[in-house]
Amino acid sequence: MDHRCPTRAADLPHLRTFTRGVEFDPEAINNALALPHHNGDAEGVNTKTKRIMRQMHGRASFPSSATASSSTNPASARG
């Protein structure tokens, strides 16, 4: 059974886009699943570096909606 036919017929644009990408380059998919090579170590270093940079610049966490709305709306700061 070909799993791509029902996917194409589904009303899910992101899934259709993903399926088209798989059909476009099946060799890349096969290599990703079959070969032992990966870039996980590099991605881990990138993630750690970005986290450190966010901490240095004070953006390590997302503000709550109440804090964000009061800090971005000058009218609410006037009282």
C-alpha atoms as a PDB file:
ATOM      1  CA  MET A   1       0.000   0.000   0.000  1.00  0.00           C
ATOM      2  CA  ASP A   2       1.294   3.407  -0.932  1.00  0.00           C
ATOM      3  CA  HIS A   3       0.989   5.736   2.057  1.00  0.00           C
ATOM      4  CA  ARG A   4       1.445   8.864  -0.075  1.00  0.00           C
ATOM      5  CA  CYS A   5      -1.903   8.663  -1.908  1.00  0.00           C
ATOM      6  CA  PRO A   6      -4.113   9.228   1.187  1.00  0.00           C
ATOM      7  CA  THR A   7      -1.717  11.952   2.315  1.00  0.00           C
ATOM      8  CA  ARG A   8      -2.118  13.826  -0.963  1.00  0.00           C
ATOM      9  CA  ALA A   9      -5.892  13.549  -0.714  1.00  0.00           C
ATOM     10  CA  ALA A  10      -5.994  14.819   2.885  1.00  0.00           C
ATOM     11  CA  ASP A  11      -6.854  18.434   3.568  1.00  0.00           C
ATOM     12  CA  LEU A  12      -3.611  19.029   5.497  1.00  0.00           C
ATOM     13  CA  PRO A  13      -1.329  21.460   3.635  1.00  0.00           C
ATOM     14  CA  HIS A  14       1.712  20.882   5.850  1.00  0.00           C
ATOM     15  CA  LEU A  15       1.488  17.128   5.406  1.00  0.00           C
ATOM     16  CA  ARG A  16       1.173  17.500   1.639  1.00  0.00           C
ATOM     17  CA  THR A  17       4.234  19.766   1.590  1.00  0.00           C
ATOM     18  CA  PHE A  18       6.195  17.249   3.634  1.00  0.00           C
ATOM     19  CA  THR A  19       5.158  14.418   1.311  1.00  0.00           C
ATOM     20  CA  ARG A  20       6.224  16.404  -1.753  1.00  0.00           C
ATOM     21  CA  GLY A  21       9.632  16.954  -0.149  1.00  0.00           C
ATOM     22  CA  VAL A  22      10.001  13.242   0.524  1.00  0.00           C
ATOM     23  CA  GLU A  23       9.047  12.438  -3.064  1.00  0.00           C
ATOM     24  CA  PHE A  24      11.432  15.091  -4.392  1.00  0.00           C
ATOM     25  CA  ASP A  25      14.534  13.613  -2.729  1.00  0.00           C
ATOM     26  CA  PRO A  26      13.978  10.014  -1.601  1.00  0.00           C
ATOM     27  CA  GLU A  27      17.732   9.332  -1.645  1.00  0.00           C
ATOM     28  CA  ALA A  28      18.254  11.906   1.123  1.00  0.00           C
ATOM     29  CA  ILE A  29      15.546  10.247   3.232  1.00  0.00           C
ATOM     30  CA  ASN A  30      17.060   6.803   2.708  1.00  0.00           C
ATOM     31  CA  ASN A  31      20.539   8.090   3.594  1.00  0.00           C
ATOM     32  CA  ALA A  32      19.269   9.828   6.715  1.00  0.00           C
ATOM     33  CA  LEU A  33      17.701   6.612   7.928  1.00  0.00           C
ATOM     34  CA  ALA A  34      20.440   4.210   6.831  1.00  0.00           C
ATOM     35  CA  LEU A  35      23.741   6.002   7.462  1.00  0.00           C
ATOM     36  CA  PRO A  36      25.276   6.461  10.917  1.00  0.00           C
ATOM     37  CA  HIS A  37      26.350  10.078  10.213  1.00  0.00           C
ATOM     38  CA  HIS A  38      24.471  12.966  11.783  1.00  0.00           C
ATOM     39  CA  ASN A  39      24.990  16.558  12.906  1.00  0.00           C
ATOM     40  CA  GLY A  40      23.582  16.123  16.402  1.00  0.00           C
ATOM     41  CA  ASP A  41      26.771  17.273  18.148  1.00  0.00           C
ATOM     42  CA  ALA A  42      26.916  20.491  16.128  1.00  0.00           C
ATOM     43  CA  GLU A  43      23.229  21.183  16.744  1.00  0.00           C
ATOM     44  CA  GLY A  44      23.745  20.671  20.468  1.00  0.00           C
ATOM     45  CA  VAL A  45      26.571  23.207  20.504  1.00  0.00           C
ATOM     46  CA  ASN A  46      24.431  25.701  18.551  1.00  0.00           C
ATOM     47  CA  THR A  47      21.530  25.291  20.968  1.00  0.00           C
ATOM     48  CA  LYS A  48      23.779  25.744  23.990  1.00  0.00           C
ATOM     49  CA  THR A  49      25.413  28.843  22.479  1.00  0.00           C
ATOM     50  CA  LYS A  50      22.029  30.416  21.696  1.00  0.00           C
ATOM     51  CA  ARG A  51      20.821  29.704  25.234  1.00  0.00           C
ATOM     52  CA  ILE A  52      23.900  31.388  26.715  1.00  0.00           C
ATOM     53  CA  MET A  53      23.436  34.410  24.439  1.00  0.00           C
ATOM     54  CA  ARG A  54      19.778  34.739  25.489  1.00  0.00           C
ATOM     55  CA  GLN A  55      20.801  34.613  29.138  1.00  0.00           C
ATOM     56  CA  MET A  56      23.444  37.285  28.568  1.00  0.00           C
ATOM     57  CA  HIS A  57      20.927  39.602  26.916  1.00  0.00           C
ATOM     58  CA  GLY A  58      18.134  38.964  29.421  1.00  0.00           C
ATOM     59  CA  ARG A  59      15.873  37.054  27.032  1.00  0.00           C
ATOM     60  CA  ALA A  60      16.189  33.613  28.566  1.00  0.00           C
ATOM     61  CA  SER A  61      12.465  33.172  29.139  1.00  0.00           C
ATOM     62  CA  PHE A  62       9.266  34.402  27.588  1.00  0.00           C
ATOM     63  CA  PRO A  63       7.491  37.133  29.547  1.00  0.00           C
ATOM     64  CA  SER A  64       4.021  36.451  30.831  1.00  0.00           C
ATOM     65  CA  SER A  65       1.186  37.997  28.838  1.00  0.00           C
ATOM     66  CA  ALA A  66       0.443  40.536  31.599  1.00  0.00           C
ATOM     67  CA  THR A  67       4.048  41.722  31.739  1.00  0.00           C
ATOM     68  CA  ALA A  68       4.374  41.799  27.969  1.00  0.00           C
ATOM     69  CA  SER A  69       1.217  43.815  27.441  1.00  0.00           C
ATOM     70  CA  SER A  70       2.085  46.396  30.099  1.00  0.00           C
ATOM     71  CA  SER A  71       5.660  46.819  28.847  1.00  0.00           C
ATOM     72  CA  THR A  72       4.671  47.174  25.183  1.00  0.00           C
ATOM     73  CA  ASN A  73       1.651  49.424  25.686  1.00  0.00           C
ATOM     74  CA  PRO A  74       2.704  52.961  26.698  1.00  0.00           C
ATOM     75  CA  ALA A  75      -0.869  53.906  27.610  1.00  0.00           C
ATOM     76  CA  SER A  76      -1.031  51.277  30.334  1.00  0.00           C
ATOM     77  CA  ALA A  77       2.193  52.618  31.886  1.00  0.00           C
ATOM     78  CA  ARG A  78       0.670  56.081  32.404  1.00  0.00           C
ATOM     79  CA  GLY A  79      -2.019  54.720  34.707  1.00  0.00           C
END
